[in-house]
Amino acid sequence: MEPSRYDIDRRDMLPYVPAGARRVLDVGCNTGRFANNLRERDETVEVWGIDPTPPAAGITDPHVCRITGHFPDDAPTDVAFDCIAFNDVLEHMIDPWGALEFARTMLSAEGQVVACIPNIRNIEVLRTLVVNGRWRYADTGILDRTHLRFFTRESIVSMFEEAGFEIVALDPINPNRRGRWAATNRFLRGRLDDLLALQFAVVGQPCR
């Protein structure tokens, strides 16, 4: 992945990483901005990273271990993690179901998976499709041309459950806060939250 394109802060996902997590694996870690955010919150956390691209030259790598490779094929098999983060990653995978199943085997006893997943049911995507008949891929966003899978709230739940997880949290995030739809949502007291959300933040823990 190109650092300039996918090097995103993702500070919005910090609250979903368990506060007590001592060892975290960031899948699709890029330059490590998420790792830096985690260490700002708790300097004792041990953050590992895995990404298809090597570390960018001239940037200090914040990970205690960074693997250049793909998940799950190149993931470590002899380390247990308290949290595995997939921030805007699962939709790029051919088999995200299999990736989650593998992640479950890598978790510690109380470990959790945290993921941010684009919301294909976003009202702007639906409006453009239904009204204008357009489904146009773009360089970034919900219709990023490198996305291989598309998800709604229901299909996220289904994917996690099929992989052996129960959902701990599933929140619509980064909503459109302007325009008539946002005003309508405020009038309806949040009933359109899912339709306005750009993404869903999800936390899953293995079924016990």
C-alpha atoms as a PDB file:
ATOM      1  CA  MET A   1       0.000   0.000   0.000  1.00  0.00           C
ATOM      2  CA  GLU A   2       1.175   3.506  -0.724  1.00  0.00           C
ATOM      3  CA  PRO A   3       2.007   5.374   2.496  1.00  0.00           C
ATOM      4  CA  SER A   4       0.618   8.671   1.192  1.00  0.00           C
ATOM      5  CA  ARG A   5      -2.717   7.052   0.435  1.00  0.00           C
ATOM      6  CA  TYR A   6      -3.300   4.805   3.410  1.00  0.00           C
ATOM      7  CA  ASP A   7      -1.258   6.516   6.101  1.00  0.00           C
ATOM      8  CA  ILE A   8      -4.250   7.547   8.220  1.00  0.00           C
ATOM      9  CA  ASP A   9      -4.203   8.587  11.864  1.00  0.00           C
ATOM     10  CA  ARG A  10      -7.233   6.523  13.023  1.00  0.00           C
ATOM     11  CA  ARG A  11      -7.272   8.209  16.403  1.00  0.00           C
ATOM     12  CA  ASP A  12     -11.033   7.627  16.286  1.00  0.00           C
ATOM     13  CA  MET A  13     -10.415   3.904  16.799  1.00  0.00           C
ATOM     14  CA  LEU A  14      -8.380   4.288  19.992  1.00  0.00           C
ATOM     15  CA  PRO A  15     -11.409   4.041  22.335  1.00  0.00           C
ATOM     16  CA  TYR A  16     -12.176   0.580  20.931  1.00  0.00           C
ATOM     17  CA  VAL A  17      -8.784  -0.898  21.826  1.00  0.00           C
ATOM     18  CA  PRO A  18      -9.098  -2.403  25.329  1.00  0.00           C
ATOM     19  CA  ALA A  19      -7.356  -0.162  27.849  1.00  0.00           C
ATOM     20  CA  GLY A  20      -5.694  -3.174  29.455  1.00  0.00           C
ATOM     21  CA  ALA A  21      -4.233  -4.533  26.211  1.00  0.00           C
ATOM     22  CA  ARG A  22      -0.515  -5.087  26.718  1.00  0.00           C
ATOM     23  CA  ARG A  23       0.335  -6.468  23.263  1.00  0.00           C
ATOM     24  CA  VAL A  24      -1.425  -5.236  20.100  1.00  0.00           C
ATOM     25  CA  LEU A  25      -1.041  -6.310  16.470  1.00  0.00           C
ATOM     26  CA  ASP A  26      -1.856  -3.595  13.930  1.00  0.00           C
ATOM     27  CA  VAL A  27      -2.707  -5.249  10.605  1.00  0.00           C
ATOM     28  CA  GLY A  28      -2.013  -2.872   7.730  1.00  0.00           C
ATOM     29  CA  CYS A  29       0.138  -0.698   9.969  1.00  0.00           C
ATOM     30  CA  ASN A  30       1.672   1.493   7.222  1.00  0.00           C
ATOM     31  CA  THR A  31       4.018   4.061   8.836  1.00  0.00           C
ATOM     32  CA  GLY A  32       2.809   3.317  12.363  1.00  0.00           C
ATOM     33  CA  ARG A  33       0.675   6.345  13.164  1.00  0.00           C
ATOM     34  CA  PHE A  34      -1.849   4.167  14.971  1.00  0.00           C
ATOM     35  CA  ALA A  35       0.968   2.596  16.977  1.00  0.00           C
ATOM     36  CA  ASN A  36       2.164   6.068  17.953  1.00  0.00           C
ATOM     37  CA  ASN A  37      -1.339   6.952  19.112  1.00  0.00           C
ATOM     38  CA  LEU A  38      -1.543   3.797  21.209  1.00  0.00           C
ATOM     39  CA  ARG A  39       1.815   4.542  22.809  1.00  0.00           C
ATOM     40  CA  GLU A  40       0.766   8.119  23.542  1.00  0.00           C
ATOM     41  CA  ARG A  41      -2.159   6.676  25.473  1.00  0.00           C
ATOM     42  CA  ASP A  42      -0.003   4.089  27.242  1.00  0.00           C
ATOM     43  CA  GLU A  43       3.747   4.046  26.692  1.00  0.00           C
ATOM     44  CA  THR A  44       4.010   0.514  28.083  1.00  0.00           C
ATOM     45  CA  VAL A  45       1.898  -1.077  25.325  1.00  0.00           C
ATOM     46  CA  GLU A  46       3.804  -3.367  22.968  1.00  0.00           C
ATOM     47  CA  VAL A  47       2.641  -2.719  19.402  1.00  0.00           C
ATOM     48  CA  TRP A  48       3.478  -5.085  16.574  1.00  0.00           C
ATOM     49  CA  GLY A  49       2.759  -4.294  12.934  1.00  0.00           C
ATOM     50  CA  ILE A  50       2.293  -6.143   9.675  1.00  0.00           C
ATOM     51  CA  ASP A  51       2.020  -4.492   6.267  1.00  0.00           C
ATOM     52  CA  PRO A  52       2.745  -5.497   2.644  1.00  0.00           C
ATOM     53  CA  THR A  53       5.093  -2.541   2.178  1.00  0.00           C
ATOM     54  CA  PRO A  54       8.449  -2.087   3.921  1.00  0.00           C
ATOM     55  CA  PRO A  55       8.930   0.794   6.376  1.00  0.00           C
ATOM     56  CA  ALA A  56       9.214   4.192   4.729  1.00  0.00           C
ATOM     57  CA  ALA A  57      12.748   5.592   4.645  1.00  0.00           C
ATOM     58  CA  GLY A  58      13.548   8.265   7.190  1.00  0.00           C
ATOM     59  CA  ILE A  59      10.666   7.420   9.534  1.00  0.00           C
ATOM     60  CA  THR A  60      11.282   5.966  12.983  1.00  0.00           C
ATOM     61  CA  ASP A  61       9.328   2.738  13.282  1.00  0.00           C
ATOM     62  CA  PRO A  62       7.277   2.736  16.526  1.00  0.00           C
ATOM     63  CA  HIS A  63       6.639  -1.018  16.476  1.00  0.00           C
ATOM     64  CA  VAL A  64       8.564  -3.428  18.676  1.00  0.00           C
ATOM     65  CA  CYS A  65       8.329  -5.780  15.697  1.00  0.00           C
ATOM     66  CA  ARG A  66       7.234  -4.960  12.167  1.00  0.00           C
ATOM     67  CA  ILE A  67       6.630  -7.693   9.613  1.00  0.00           C
ATOM     68  CA  THR A  68       6.717  -6.942   5.899  1.00  0.00           C
ATOM     69  CA  GLY A  69       4.134  -9.324   4.533  1.00  0.00           C
ATOM     70  CA  HIS A  70       0.462 -10.214   4.330  1.00  0.00           C
ATOM     71  CA  PHE A  71      -2.017 -11.271   6.968  1.00  0.00           C
ATOM     72  CA  PRO A  72      -2.612 -14.083   7.749  1.00  0.00           C
ATOM     73  CA  ASP A  73       0.052 -15.806   5.636  1.00  0.00           C
ATOM     74  CA  ASP A  74       3.015 -14.007   7.214  1.00  0.00           C
ATOM     75  CA  ALA A  75       1.589 -13.401  10.689  1.00  0.00           C
ATOM     76  CA  PRO A  76       3.512 -14.697  13.726  1.00  0.00           C
ATOM     77  CA  THR A  77       2.211 -17.986  15.091  1.00  0.00           C
ATOM     78  CA  ASP A  78       4.090 -18.110  18.393  1.00  0.00           C
ATOM     79  CA  VAL A  79       2.848 -14.866  19.990  1.00  0.00           C
ATOM     80  CA  ALA A  80      -0.490 -14.152  21.704  1.00  0.00           C
ATOM     81  CA  PHE A  81      -2.071 -10.717  21.335  1.00  0.00           C
ATOM     82  CA  ASP A  82      -4.512  -8.919  23.600  1.00  0.00           C
ATOM     83  CA  CYS A  83      -5.881  -7.012  20.615  1.00  0.00           C
ATOM     84  CA  ILE A  84      -5.632  -7.366  16.848  1.00  0.00           C
ATOM     85  CA  ALA A  85      -6.642  -4.247  14.915  1.00  0.00           C
ATOM     86  CA  PHE A  86      -7.938  -4.204  11.341  1.00  0.00           C
ATOM     87  CA  ASN A  87      -8.411  -0.514  10.554  1.00  0.00           C
ATOM     88  CA  ASP A  88      -9.820  -0.302   7.018  1.00  0.00           C
ATOM     89  CA  VAL A  89      -8.184  -3.597   6.108  1.00  0.00           C
ATOM     90  CA  LEU A  90     -10.742  -6.425   5.941  1.00  0.00           C
ATOM     91  CA  GLU A  91     -12.496  -4.947   2.895  1.00  0.00           C
ATOM     92  CA  HIS A  92      -9.207  -5.207   0.971  1.00  0.00           C
ATOM     93  CA  MET A  93      -8.932  -8.963   1.580  1.00  0.00           C
ATOM     94  CA  ILE A  94     -10.110 -11.771  -0.667  1.00  0.00           C
ATOM     95  CA  ASP A  95     -11.074 -13.816   2.391  1.00  0.00           C
ATOM     96  CA  PRO A  96     -11.754 -11.589   5.415  1.00  0.00           C
ATOM     97  CA  TRP A  97     -13.716 -14.435   7.011  1.00  0.00           C
ATOM     98  CA  GLY A  98     -10.627 -16.631   7.004  1.00  0.00           C
ATOM     99  CA  ALA A  99      -8.496 -13.750   8.277  1.00  0.00           C
ATOM    100  CA  LEU A 100     -10.788 -13.337  11.282  1.00  0.00           C
ATOM    101  CA  GLU A 101     -10.785 -17.063  11.974  1.00  0.00           C
ATOM    102  CA  PHE A 102      -6.985 -17.018  11.988  1.00  0.00           C
ATOM    103  CA  ALA A 103      -6.910 -13.901  14.174  1.00  0.00           C
ATOM    104  CA  ARG A 104      -9.044 -15.723  16.740  1.00  0.00           C
ATOM    105  CA  THR A 105      -6.293 -18.339  17.166  1.00  0.00           C
ATOM    106  CA  MET A 106      -3.741 -15.572  17.869  1.00  0.00           C
ATOM    107  CA  LEU A 107      -5.583 -13.931  20.754  1.00  0.00           C
ATOM    108  CA  SER A 108      -4.780 -14.186  24.442  1.00  0.00           C
ATOM    109  CA  ALA A 109      -7.402 -15.504  26.861  1.00  0.00           C
ATOM    110  CA  GLU A 110      -9.220 -12.148  27.059  1.00  0.00           C
ATOM    111  CA  GLY A 111      -8.136 -10.896  23.643  1.00  0.00           C
ATOM    112  CA  GLN A 112     -10.360  -9.010  21.213  1.00  0.00           C
ATOM    113  CA  VAL A 113     -10.403  -8.045  17.553  1.00  0.00           C
ATOM    114  CA  VAL A 114     -11.032  -4.404  16.689  1.00  0.00           C
ATOM    115  CA  ALA A 115     -11.971  -3.369  13.168  1.00  0.00           C
ATOM    116  CA  CYS A 116     -13.067  -0.358  11.182  1.00  0.00           C
ATOM    117  CA  ILE A 117     -15.107  -1.321   8.111  1.00  0.00           C
ATOM    118  CA  PRO A 118     -16.646   0.958   5.445  1.00  0.00           C
ATOM    119  CA  ASN A 119     -20.439   1.118   5.326  1.00  0.00           C
ATOM    120  CA  ILE A 120     -21.738   0.360   1.833  1.00  0.00           C
ATOM    121  CA  ARG A 121     -25.247   1.297   3.039  1.00  0.00           C
ATOM    122  CA  ASN A 122     -24.149   4.921   3.372  1.00  0.00           C
ATOM    123  CA  ILE A 123     -26.945   7.149   2.090  1.00  0.00           C
ATOM    124  CA  GLU A 124     -24.771   9.010  -0.438  1.00  0.00           C
ATOM    125  CA  VAL A 125     -23.670   5.742  -2.030  1.00  0.00           C
ATOM    126  CA  LEU A 126     -27.290   4.544  -2.160  1.00  0.00           C
ATOM    127  CA  ARG A 127     -28.580   7.858  -3.518  1.00  0.00           C
ATOM    128  CA  THR A 128     -26.039   7.927  -6.311  1.00  0.00           C
ATOM    129  CA  LEU A 129     -26.803   4.313  -7.193  1.00  0.00           C
ATOM    130  CA  VAL A 130     -30.607   4.516  -7.013  1.00  0.00           C
ATOM    131  CA  VAL A 131     -31.157   8.013  -8.402  1.00  0.00           C
ATOM    132  CA  ASN A 132     -28.313   8.275 -10.899  1.00  0.00           C
ATOM    133  CA  GLY A 133     -27.575   4.610 -11.578  1.00  0.00           C
ATOM    134  CA  ARG A 134     -23.884   5.183 -10.842  1.00  0.00           C
ATOM    135  CA  TRP A 135     -21.442   2.889  -9.079  1.00  0.00           C
ATOM    136  CA  ARG A 136     -18.141   4.633  -9.631  1.00  0.00           C
ATOM    137  CA  TYR A 137     -14.966   3.508  -7.954  1.00  0.00           C
ATOM    138  CA  ALA A 138     -12.629   6.148  -6.563  1.00  0.00           C
ATOM    139  CA  ASP A 139      -9.112   6.446  -5.205  1.00  0.00           C
ATOM    140  CA  THR A 140     -10.346   6.584  -1.598  1.00  0.00           C
ATOM    141  CA  GLY A 141     -13.539   6.240   0.415  1.00  0.00           C
ATOM    142  CA  ILE A 142     -16.292   3.649   0.509  1.00  0.00           C
ATOM    143  CA  LEU A 143     -15.934   2.839  -3.191  1.00  0.00           C
ATOM    144  CA  ASP A 144     -12.147   2.696  -3.118  1.00  0.00           C
ATOM    145  CA  ARG A 145     -11.167   0.792  -6.248  1.00  0.00           C
ATOM    146  CA  THR A 146      -9.002  -1.596  -4.183  1.00  0.00           C
ATOM    147  CA  HIS A 147     -11.929  -2.781  -2.038  1.00  0.00           C
ATOM    148  CA  LEU A 148     -12.749  -6.407  -2.726  1.00  0.00           C
ATOM    149  CA  ARG A 149     -15.603  -6.796  -0.212  1.00  0.00           C
ATOM    150  CA  PHE A 150     -18.474  -4.555   0.850  1.00  0.00           C
ATOM    151  CA  PHE A 151     -20.328  -4.650   4.159  1.00  0.00           C
ATOM    152  CA  THR A 152     -23.442  -3.477   5.970  1.00  0.00           C
ATOM    153  CA  ARG A 153     -24.106  -3.729   9.710  1.00  0.00           C
ATOM    154  CA  GLU A 154     -25.869  -7.062   9.201  1.00  0.00           C
ATOM    155  CA  SER A 155     -23.114  -8.600   7.093  1.00  0.00           C
ATOM    156  CA  ILE A 156     -20.440  -7.436   9.573  1.00  0.00           C
ATOM    157  CA  VAL A 157     -22.260  -9.234  12.369  1.00  0.00           C
ATOM    158  CA  SER A 158     -22.653 -12.312  10.191  1.00  0.00           C
ATOM    159  CA  MET A 159     -18.952 -12.340   9.234  1.00  0.00           C
ATOM    160  CA  PHE A 160     -17.771 -12.082  12.838  1.00  0.00           C
ATOM    161  CA  GLU A 161     -20.200 -14.733  14.041  1.00  0.00           C
ATOM    162  CA  GLU A 162     -19.186 -17.126  11.267  1.00  0.00           C
ATOM    163  CA  ALA A 163     -15.558 -16.628  12.320  1.00  0.00           C
ATOM    164  CA  GLY A 164     -16.383 -17.599  15.918  1.00  0.00           C
ATOM    165  CA  PHE A 165     -16.779 -14.168  17.518  1.00  0.00           C
ATOM    166  CA  GLU A 166     -19.475 -12.480  19.508  1.00  0.00           C
ATOM    167  CA  ILE A 167     -19.962  -8.757  18.994  1.00  0.00           C
ATOM    168  CA  VAL A 168     -18.983  -6.584  21.961  1.00  0.00           C
ATOM    169  CA  ALA A 169     -19.502  -3.243  20.205  1.00  0.00           C
ATOM    170  CA  LEU A 170     -20.709  -2.150  16.777  1.00  0.00           C
ATOM    171  CA  ASP A 171     -20.979   1.603  16.286  1.00  0.00           C
ATOM    172  CA  PRO A 172     -21.587   3.772  13.222  1.00  0.00           C
ATOM    173  CA  ILE A 173     -18.732   6.288  13.068  1.00  0.00           C
ATOM    174  CA  ASN A 174     -17.648   9.338  11.061  1.00  0.00           C
ATOM    175  CA  PRO A 175     -21.181  10.373  10.032  1.00  0.00           C
ATOM    176  CA  ASN A 176     -22.149  13.075   7.595  1.00  0.00           C
ATOM    177  CA  ARG A 177     -23.072  15.952   9.926  1.00  0.00           C
ATOM    178  CA  ARG A 178     -24.172  18.455   7.282  1.00  0.00           C
ATOM    179  CA  GLY A 179     -27.010  18.784   4.830  1.00  0.00           C
ATOM    180  CA  ARG A 180     -30.647  17.828   4.867  1.00  0.00           C
ATOM    181  CA  TRP A 181     -30.061  14.183   5.770  1.00  0.00           C
ATOM    182  CA  ALA A 182     -28.131  15.173   8.869  1.00  0.00           C
ATOM    183  CA  ALA A 183     -30.888  17.600   9.832  1.00  0.00           C
ATOM    184  CA  THR A 184     -33.506  14.906   9.254  1.00  0.00           C
ATOM    185  CA  ASN A 185     -31.515  12.500  11.412  1.00  0.00           C
ATOM    186  CA  ARG A 186     -31.410  14.990  14.259  1.00  0.00           C
ATOM    187  CA  PHE A 187     -35.189  15.406  13.966  1.00  0.00           C
ATOM    188  CA  LEU A 188     -35.571  11.603  14.029  1.00  0.00           C
ATOM    189  CA  ARG A 189     -33.261  11.337  17.051  1.00  0.00           C
ATOM    190  CA  GLY A 190     -30.586   9.279  15.355  1.00  0.00           C
ATOM    191  CA  ARG A 191     -32.693   6.756  13.493  1.00  0.00           C
ATOM    192  CA  LEU A 192     -30.633   7.355  10.341  1.00  0.00           C
ATOM    193  CA  ASP A 193     -27.270   6.870  12.071  1.00  0.00           C
ATOM    194  CA  ASP A 194     -26.413   3.747  10.086  1.00  0.00           C
ATOM    195  CA  LEU A 195     -27.275   5.398   6.779  1.00  0.00           C
ATOM    196  CA  LEU A 196     -25.131   8.452   7.474  1.00  0.00           C
ATOM    197  CA  ALA A 197     -22.095   6.578   8.815  1.00  0.00           C
ATOM    198  CA  LEU A 198     -18.998   6.343   6.665  1.00  0.00           C
ATOM    199  CA  GLN A 199     -17.782   3.321   8.624  1.00  0.00           C
ATOM    200  CA  PHE A 200     -18.569   0.934  11.440  1.00  0.00           C
ATOM    201  CA  ALA A 201     -16.290   0.367  14.415  1.00  0.00           C
ATOM    202  CA  VAL A 202     -16.602  -3.209  15.626  1.00  0.00           C
ATOM    203  CA  VAL A 203     -15.167  -5.102  18.571  1.00  0.00           C
ATOM    204  CA  GLY A 204     -15.416  -8.868  18.706  1.00  0.00           C
ATOM    205  CA  GLN A 205     -14.293 -11.448  21.233  1.00  0.00           C
ATOM    206  CA  PRO A 206     -14.112 -15.209  20.693  1.00  0.00           C
ATOM    207  CA  CYS A 207     -17.240 -17.106  21.656  1.00  0.00           C
ATOM    208  CA  ARG A 208     -16.760 -19.044  24.862  1.00  0.00           C
END
